[in-house]
């Protein structure tokens, strides 16, 4: 494992998205697209499981320890960035995508939180289905 504590914010975000995509694949999702940008915003990952499209917002934080190992340190909780304004942008972008692709099946907006441990790059993932 590699020490990632000196990685840039962008590199941490990119690694978090890679971790999220890998997690989703292991959970039986197929990755449809990544980093879909429209004038309304961006969706990190569009995945499909059975007949449902999942628009997944990934939030990543670099941490010393995972949340369950050090409950006192909540400053790195990535869910704080899943606020109403952000979720609204994802919803508008998802609606645009569904209309553009003529998708007639179910779809939902999910969150995926990734904590990356600085000293070794290990990941802890928390999936949040249907955040809207």
N, C-alpha and C. Protein backbone atom coordinates (compact mmCIF):
# COMPACT_ATOMS: atom_id res chain seq x y z
N UNK A 1 0.84 -1.18 0.00
CA UNK A 1 0.00 0.00 0.00
C UNK A 1 0.89 1.25 0.00
N UNK A 2 0.36 2.33 -0.52
CA UNK A 2 1.11 3.56 -0.71
C UNK A 2 0.60 4.66 0.22
N UNK A 3 1.52 5.43 0.75
CA UNK A 3 1.16 6.61 1.55
C UNK A 3 0.60 7.65 0.59
N UNK A 4 -0.66 8.06 0.82
CA UNK A 4 -1.29 9.05 -0.07
C UNK A 4 -1.53 10.38 0.65
N UNK A 5 -0.95 10.54 1.82
CA UNK A 5 -1.23 11.73 2.63
C UNK A 5 -0.79 13.03 1.97
N UNK A 6 0.09 12.98 0.99
CA UNK A 6 0.52 14.21 0.32
C UNK A 6 -0.15 14.41 -1.04
N UNK A 7 -1.10 13.57 -1.40
CA UNK A 7 -1.80 13.70 -2.68
C UNK A 7 -2.60 15.01 -2.71
N UNK A 8 -2.79 15.56 -3.90
CA UNK A 8 -3.61 16.76 -4.07
C UNK A 8 -5.08 16.43 -3.84
N UNK A 9 -5.87 17.45 -3.63
CA UNK A 9 -7.31 17.26 -3.46
C UNK A 9 -7.91 16.59 -4.68
N UNK A 10 -7.49 16.99 -5.87
CA UNK A 10 -8.00 16.37 -7.10
C UNK A 10 -7.62 14.89 -7.16
N UNK A 11 -6.37 14.58 -6.83
CA UNK A 11 -5.92 13.18 -6.86
C UNK A 11 -6.71 12.34 -5.86
N UNK A 12 -6.99 12.89 -4.69
CA UNK A 12 -7.79 12.18 -3.69
C UNK A 12 -9.20 11.94 -4.23
N UNK A 13 -9.79 12.97 -4.85
CA UNK A 13 -11.12 12.82 -5.45
C UNK A 13 -11.16 11.78 -6.54
N UNK A 14 -10.16 11.78 -7.41
CA UNK A 14 -10.07 10.80 -8.49
C UNK A 14 -9.94 9.38 -7.93
N UNK A 15 -9.09 9.22 -6.91
CA UNK A 15 -8.92 7.91 -6.29
C UNK A 15 -10.22 7.47 -5.62
N UNK A 16 -10.93 8.41 -5.01
CA UNK A 16 -12.23 8.09 -4.40
C UNK A 16 -13.24 7.61 -5.43
N UNK A 17 -13.27 8.26 -6.59
CA UNK A 17 -14.19 7.83 -7.64
C UNK A 17 -13.82 6.46 -8.19
N UNK A 18 -12.53 6.18 -8.33
CA UNK A 18 -12.10 4.84 -8.76
C UNK A 18 -12.53 3.79 -7.74
N UNK A 19 -12.34 4.12 -6.47
CA UNK A 19 -12.75 3.21 -5.38
C UNK A 19 -14.25 2.98 -5.42
N UNK A 20 -15.02 4.05 -5.63
CA UNK A 20 -16.48 3.95 -5.69
C UNK A 20 -16.92 3.07 -6.86
N UNK A 21 -16.33 3.26 -8.03
CA UNK A 21 -16.69 2.45 -9.21
C UNK A 21 -16.39 0.98 -8.95
N UNK A 22 -15.25 0.71 -8.36
CA UNK A 22 -14.88 -0.67 -8.04
C UNK A 22 -15.86 -1.28 -7.04
N UNK A 23 -16.23 -0.51 -6.03
CA UNK A 23 -17.20 -0.98 -5.02
C UNK A 23 -18.53 -1.32 -5.70
N UNK A 24 -19.01 -0.42 -6.55
CA UNK A 24 -20.30 -0.65 -7.21
C UNK A 24 -20.26 -1.91 -8.08
N UNK A 25 -19.18 -2.10 -8.81
CA UNK A 25 -19.04 -3.31 -9.63
C UNK A 25 -19.11 -4.56 -8.77
N UNK A 26 -18.44 -4.53 -7.63
CA UNK A 26 -18.46 -5.70 -6.72
C UNK A 26 -19.85 -5.95 -6.15
N UNK A 27 -20.68 -4.91 -6.12
CA UNK A 27 -22.05 -5.04 -5.61
C UNK A 27 -23.05 -5.38 -6.72
N UNK A 28 -22.55 -5.66 -7.92
CA UNK A 28 -23.42 -6.10 -9.01
C UNK A 28 -23.92 -5.00 -9.93
N UNK A 29 -23.39 -3.79 -9.80
CA UNK A 29 -23.76 -2.70 -10.68
C UNK A 29 -22.89 -2.74 -11.94
N UNK A 30 -23.45 -2.30 -13.04
CA UNK A 30 -22.67 -2.06 -14.24
C UNK A 30 -22.44 -0.56 -14.34
N UNK A 31 -21.24 -0.16 -14.65
CA UNK A 31 -20.94 1.27 -14.81
C UNK A 31 -21.34 1.68 -16.22
N UNK A 32 -22.26 2.63 -16.34
CA UNK A 32 -22.75 3.09 -17.63
C UNK A 32 -21.88 4.24 -18.14
N UNK A 33 -21.67 5.24 -17.29
CA UNK A 33 -20.84 6.40 -17.65
C UNK A 33 -20.26 6.99 -16.38
N UNK A 34 -19.21 7.79 -16.57
CA UNK A 34 -18.59 8.50 -15.44
C UNK A 34 -18.39 9.96 -15.82
N UNK A 35 -18.47 10.80 -14.80
CA UNK A 35 -18.23 12.24 -14.95
C UNK A 35 -19.05 12.84 -16.10
N UNK A 36 -20.35 12.65 -16.02
CA UNK A 36 -21.27 13.17 -17.02
C UNK A 36 -21.57 14.63 -16.68
N UNK A 37 -21.26 15.51 -17.62
CA UNK A 37 -21.42 16.95 -17.40
C UNK A 37 -22.49 17.49 -18.35
N UNK A 38 -23.41 18.23 -17.79
CA UNK A 38 -24.42 18.97 -18.54
C UNK A 38 -24.43 20.38 -17.97
N UNK A 39 -25.17 21.29 -18.59
CA UNK A 39 -25.18 22.66 -18.10
C UNK A 39 -25.76 22.77 -16.69
N UNK A 40 -26.49 21.76 -16.26
CA UNK A 40 -27.09 21.77 -14.92
C UNK A 40 -26.15 21.26 -13.84
N UNK A 41 -25.06 20.61 -14.23
CA UNK A 41 -24.12 20.08 -13.24
C UNK A 41 -23.42 18.83 -13.74
N UNK A 42 -22.89 18.07 -12.79
CA UNK A 42 -22.13 16.86 -13.10
C UNK A 42 -22.61 15.71 -12.23
N UNK A 43 -22.60 14.52 -12.81
CA UNK A 43 -22.86 13.29 -12.06
C UNK A 43 -21.58 12.47 -12.11
N UNK A 44 -21.10 12.05 -10.93
CA UNK A 44 -19.84 11.32 -10.87
C UNK A 44 -19.91 9.96 -11.56
N UNK A 45 -20.93 9.18 -11.21
CA UNK A 45 -21.06 7.83 -11.78
C UNK A 45 -22.53 7.57 -12.11
N UNK A 46 -22.76 7.05 -13.30
CA UNK A 46 -24.08 6.53 -13.64
C UNK A 46 -23.91 5.02 -13.75
N UNK A 47 -24.65 4.32 -12.92
CA UNK A 47 -24.54 2.86 -12.87
C UNK A 47 -25.92 2.25 -13.08
N UNK A 48 -25.92 0.99 -13.44
CA UNK A 48 -27.19 0.28 -13.63
C UNK A 48 -27.15 -1.02 -12.88
N UNK A 49 -28.24 -1.28 -12.18
CA UNK A 49 -28.41 -2.57 -11.51
C UNK A 49 -29.82 -3.04 -11.82
N UNK A 50 -29.90 -4.17 -12.47
CA UNK A 50 -31.16 -4.69 -13.00
C UNK A 50 -31.76 -3.63 -13.92
N UNK A 51 -32.98 -3.19 -13.67
CA UNK A 51 -33.64 -2.24 -14.56
C UNK A 51 -33.68 -0.82 -13.99
N UNK A 52 -32.74 -0.50 -13.10
CA UNK A 52 -32.71 0.82 -12.48
C UNK A 52 -31.39 1.52 -12.76
N UNK A 53 -31.48 2.78 -13.19
CA UNK A 53 -30.29 3.62 -13.31
C UNK A 53 -30.04 4.29 -11.97
N UNK A 54 -28.78 4.33 -11.58
CA UNK A 54 -28.36 4.96 -10.33
C UNK A 54 -27.41 6.09 -10.66
N UNK A 55 -27.78 7.30 -10.25
CA UNK A 55 -26.94 8.48 -10.42
C UNK A 55 -26.23 8.68 -9.08
N UNK A 56 -24.93 8.43 -9.08
CA UNK A 56 -24.18 8.33 -7.83
C UNK A 56 -23.25 9.53 -7.66
N UNK A 57 -23.43 10.23 -6.55
CA UNK A 57 -22.54 11.32 -6.16
C UNK A 57 -21.52 10.75 -5.17
N UNK A 58 -20.25 10.90 -5.50
CA UNK A 58 -19.18 10.37 -4.67
C UNK A 58 -18.54 11.51 -3.88
N UNK A 59 -18.40 11.32 -2.58
CA UNK A 59 -17.72 12.28 -1.72
C UNK A 59 -16.59 11.54 -1.02
N UNK A 60 -15.38 12.10 -1.13
CA UNK A 60 -14.19 11.44 -0.61
C UNK A 60 -13.49 12.34 0.39
N UNK A 61 -12.96 11.73 1.43
CA UNK A 61 -12.16 12.45 2.42
C UNK A 61 -10.91 11.64 2.73
N UNK A 62 -9.82 12.36 2.86
CA UNK A 62 -8.58 11.79 3.35
C UNK A 62 -8.66 11.83 4.88
N UNK A 63 -8.31 10.74 5.54
CA UNK A 63 -8.41 10.69 7.00
C UNK A 63 -7.21 9.99 7.61
N UNK A 64 -7.03 10.21 8.90
CA UNK A 64 -6.00 9.48 9.65
C UNK A 64 -6.45 8.06 9.92
N UNK A 65 -7.70 7.94 10.39
CA UNK A 65 -8.29 6.63 10.69
C UNK A 65 -9.71 6.60 10.16
N UNK A 66 -10.24 5.42 9.95
CA UNK A 66 -11.61 5.28 9.48
C UNK A 66 -12.57 5.67 10.60
N UNK A 67 -13.79 6.05 10.26
CA UNK A 67 -14.74 6.55 11.26
C UNK A 67 -14.96 5.60 12.44
N UNK A 68 -15.03 4.31 12.18
CA UNK A 68 -15.28 3.37 13.27
C UNK A 68 -14.05 3.18 14.17
N UNK A 69 -12.91 3.61 13.71
CA UNK A 69 -11.69 3.46 14.51
C UNK A 69 -11.45 4.66 15.42
N UNK A 70 -12.02 5.81 15.08
CA UNK A 70 -11.79 7.02 15.85
C UNK A 70 -13.04 7.89 15.77
N UNK A 71 -14.07 7.52 16.52
CA UNK A 71 -15.35 8.21 16.45
C UNK A 71 -15.28 9.66 16.89
N UNK A 72 -14.24 10.04 17.59
CA UNK A 72 -14.13 11.43 18.06
C UNK A 72 -13.78 12.39 16.94
N UNK A 73 -13.17 11.93 15.88
CA UNK A 73 -12.73 12.80 14.80
C UNK A 73 -13.77 12.81 13.68
N UNK A 74 -14.76 13.69 13.76
CA UNK A 74 -15.81 13.74 12.74
C UNK A 74 -15.55 14.81 11.70
N UNK A 75 -14.45 15.51 11.78
CA UNK A 75 -14.16 16.61 10.85
C UNK A 75 -14.01 16.12 9.41
N UNK A 76 -13.76 14.85 9.20
CA UNK A 76 -13.55 14.35 7.84
C UNK A 76 -14.77 13.62 7.28
N UNK A 77 -15.94 13.84 7.84
CA UNK A 77 -17.15 13.17 7.37
C UNK A 77 -17.56 13.72 6.00
N UNK A 78 -17.45 12.93 4.93
CA UNK A 78 -17.77 13.43 3.59
C UNK A 78 -19.25 13.69 3.37
N UNK A 79 -20.12 13.14 4.20
CA UNK A 79 -21.55 13.35 3.98
C UNK A 79 -21.96 14.80 4.18
N UNK A 80 -21.13 15.58 4.85
CA UNK A 80 -21.42 17.00 5.04
C UNK A 80 -21.51 17.73 3.70
N UNK A 81 -20.88 17.21 2.67
CA UNK A 81 -20.93 17.84 1.35
C UNK A 81 -22.11 17.37 0.50
N UNK A 82 -22.96 16.52 1.04
CA UNK A 82 -24.16 16.10 0.33
C UNK A 82 -25.33 16.96 0.81
N UNK A 83 -25.23 18.25 0.59
CA UNK A 83 -26.25 19.19 1.04
C UNK A 83 -27.33 19.35 -0.03
N UNK A 84 -28.43 20.01 0.33
CA UNK A 84 -29.59 20.13 -0.55
C UNK A 84 -29.26 20.76 -1.90
N UNK A 85 -28.43 21.80 -1.92
CA UNK A 85 -28.09 22.45 -3.19
C UNK A 85 -27.37 21.48 -4.12
N UNK A 86 -26.43 20.71 -3.59
CA UNK A 86 -25.68 19.74 -4.39
C UNK A 86 -26.61 18.65 -4.91
N UNK A 87 -27.46 18.13 -4.04
CA UNK A 87 -28.39 17.08 -4.44
C UNK A 87 -29.35 17.60 -5.51
N UNK A 88 -29.77 18.86 -5.39
CA UNK A 88 -30.64 19.46 -6.39
C UNK A 88 -30.00 19.52 -7.76
N UNK A 89 -28.71 19.88 -7.81
CA UNK A 89 -27.99 19.92 -9.09
C UNK A 89 -27.90 18.52 -9.70
N UNK A 90 -27.63 17.54 -8.86
CA UNK A 90 -27.55 16.16 -9.35
C UNK A 90 -28.90 15.72 -9.90
N UNK A 91 -29.98 16.09 -9.20
CA UNK A 91 -31.33 15.72 -9.65
C UNK A 91 -31.63 16.34 -11.01
N UNK A 92 -31.30 17.62 -11.18
CA UNK A 92 -31.57 18.29 -12.47
C UNK A 92 -30.73 17.65 -13.59
N UNK A 93 -29.49 17.34 -13.30
CA UNK A 93 -28.63 16.72 -14.31
C UNK A 93 -29.14 15.31 -14.64
N UNK A 94 -29.59 14.59 -13.63
CA UNK A 94 -30.14 13.25 -13.84
C UNK A 94 -31.39 13.30 -14.70
N UNK A 95 -32.27 14.27 -14.43
CA UNK A 95 -33.49 14.43 -15.24
C UNK A 95 -33.13 14.72 -16.69
N UNK A 96 -32.15 15.57 -16.90
CA UNK A 96 -31.68 15.90 -18.24
C UNK A 96 -31.18 14.63 -18.94
N UNK A 97 -30.37 13.85 -18.24
CA UNK A 97 -29.79 12.63 -18.81
C UNK A 97 -30.89 11.63 -19.18
N UNK A 98 -31.85 11.42 -18.27
CA UNK A 98 -32.95 10.47 -18.50
C UNK A 98 -33.73 10.88 -19.74
N UNK A 99 -34.02 12.18 -19.89
CA UNK A 99 -34.76 12.67 -21.06
C UNK A 99 -33.94 12.51 -22.33
N UNK A 100 -32.66 12.84 -22.24
CA UNK A 100 -31.76 12.77 -23.40
C UNK A 100 -31.64 11.34 -23.93
N UNK A 101 -31.60 10.38 -23.01
CA UNK A 101 -31.42 8.97 -23.39
C UNK A 101 -32.76 8.25 -23.60
N UNK A 102 -33.88 8.97 -23.42
CA UNK A 102 -35.20 8.35 -23.51
C UNK A 102 -35.35 7.15 -22.58
N UNK A 103 -34.77 7.26 -21.39
CA UNK A 103 -34.84 6.19 -20.40
C UNK A 103 -36.26 6.12 -19.84
N UNK A 104 -36.84 4.94 -19.90
CA UNK A 104 -38.22 4.78 -19.42
C UNK A 104 -38.30 3.93 -18.17
N UNK A 105 -37.17 3.46 -17.68
CA UNK A 105 -37.18 2.64 -16.47
C UNK A 105 -37.05 3.49 -15.20
N UNK A 106 -36.88 2.80 -14.09
CA UNK A 106 -36.70 3.48 -12.81
C UNK A 106 -35.32 4.09 -12.74
N UNK A 107 -35.20 5.14 -11.93
CA UNK A 107 -33.90 5.74 -11.67
C UNK A 107 -33.93 6.38 -10.30
N UNK A 108 -32.74 6.51 -9.73
CA UNK A 108 -32.64 7.10 -8.40
C UNK A 108 -31.29 7.77 -8.22
N UNK A 109 -31.23 8.61 -7.20
CA UNK A 109 -30.00 9.32 -6.87
C UNK A 109 -29.44 8.74 -5.58
N UNK A 110 -28.18 8.32 -5.64
CA UNK A 110 -27.52 7.69 -4.50
C UNK A 110 -26.27 8.49 -4.13
N UNK A 111 -25.82 8.29 -2.93
CA UNK A 111 -24.55 8.85 -2.48
C UNK A 111 -23.60 7.72 -2.15
N UNK A 112 -22.34 7.98 -2.31
CA UNK A 112 -21.33 6.99 -1.94
C UNK A 112 -20.19 7.74 -1.25
N UNK A 113 -19.96 7.44 0.00
CA UNK A 113 -18.94 8.11 0.79
C UNK A 113 -17.69 7.24 0.84
N UNK A 114 -16.55 7.87 0.62
CA UNK A 114 -15.28 7.14 0.63
C UNK A 114 -14.32 7.85 1.57
N UNK A 115 -13.81 7.12 2.53
CA UNK A 115 -12.72 7.61 3.38
C UNK A 115 -11.46 6.91 2.93
N UNK A 116 -10.41 7.66 2.64
CA UNK A 116 -9.11 7.09 2.25
C UNK A 116 -8.12 7.37 3.37
N UNK A 117 -7.53 6.31 3.89
CA UNK A 117 -6.56 6.46 4.98
C UNK A 117 -5.21 6.89 4.41
N UNK A 118 -4.71 8.02 4.89
CA UNK A 118 -3.50 8.62 4.35
C UNK A 118 -2.27 7.74 4.38
N UNK A 119 -2.06 7.04 5.46
CA UNK A 119 -0.79 6.31 5.61
C UNK A 119 -0.62 5.14 4.65
N UNK A 120 -1.76 4.58 4.17
CA UNK A 120 -1.63 3.41 3.30
C UNK A 120 -2.61 3.38 2.12
N UNK A 121 -3.47 4.38 2.02
CA UNK A 121 -4.40 4.44 0.89
C UNK A 121 -5.56 3.47 0.99
N UNK A 122 -5.71 2.78 2.13
CA UNK A 122 -6.83 1.87 2.31
C UNK A 122 -8.14 2.66 2.30
N UNK A 123 -9.22 2.01 1.88
CA UNK A 123 -10.51 2.70 1.73
C UNK A 123 -11.58 2.08 2.60
N UNK A 124 -12.47 2.95 3.08
CA UNK A 124 -13.69 2.55 3.78
C UNK A 124 -14.83 3.21 3.01
N UNK A 125 -15.84 2.42 2.62
CA UNK A 125 -16.91 2.91 1.76
C UNK A 125 -18.25 2.76 2.47
N UNK A 126 -19.10 3.76 2.29
CA UNK A 126 -20.47 3.72 2.79
C UNK A 126 -21.41 4.13 1.65
N UNK A 127 -22.31 3.23 1.27
CA UNK A 127 -23.26 3.47 0.19
C UNK A 127 -24.56 4.00 0.76
N UNK A 128 -25.08 5.07 0.21
CA UNK A 128 -26.32 5.70 0.68
C UNK A 128 -27.33 5.68 -0.47
N UNK A 129 -28.20 4.67 -0.53
CA UNK A 129 -29.17 4.61 -1.61
C UNK A 129 -30.27 5.65 -1.44
N UNK A 130 -30.77 6.15 -2.54
CA UNK A 130 -31.91 7.07 -2.60
C UNK A 130 -31.79 8.24 -1.63
N UNK A 131 -30.80 9.10 -1.88
CA UNK A 131 -30.61 10.26 -1.01
C UNK A 131 -31.61 11.37 -1.32
N UNK A 132 -32.38 11.20 -2.38
CA UNK A 132 -33.44 12.15 -2.72
C UNK A 132 -34.72 11.42 -2.94
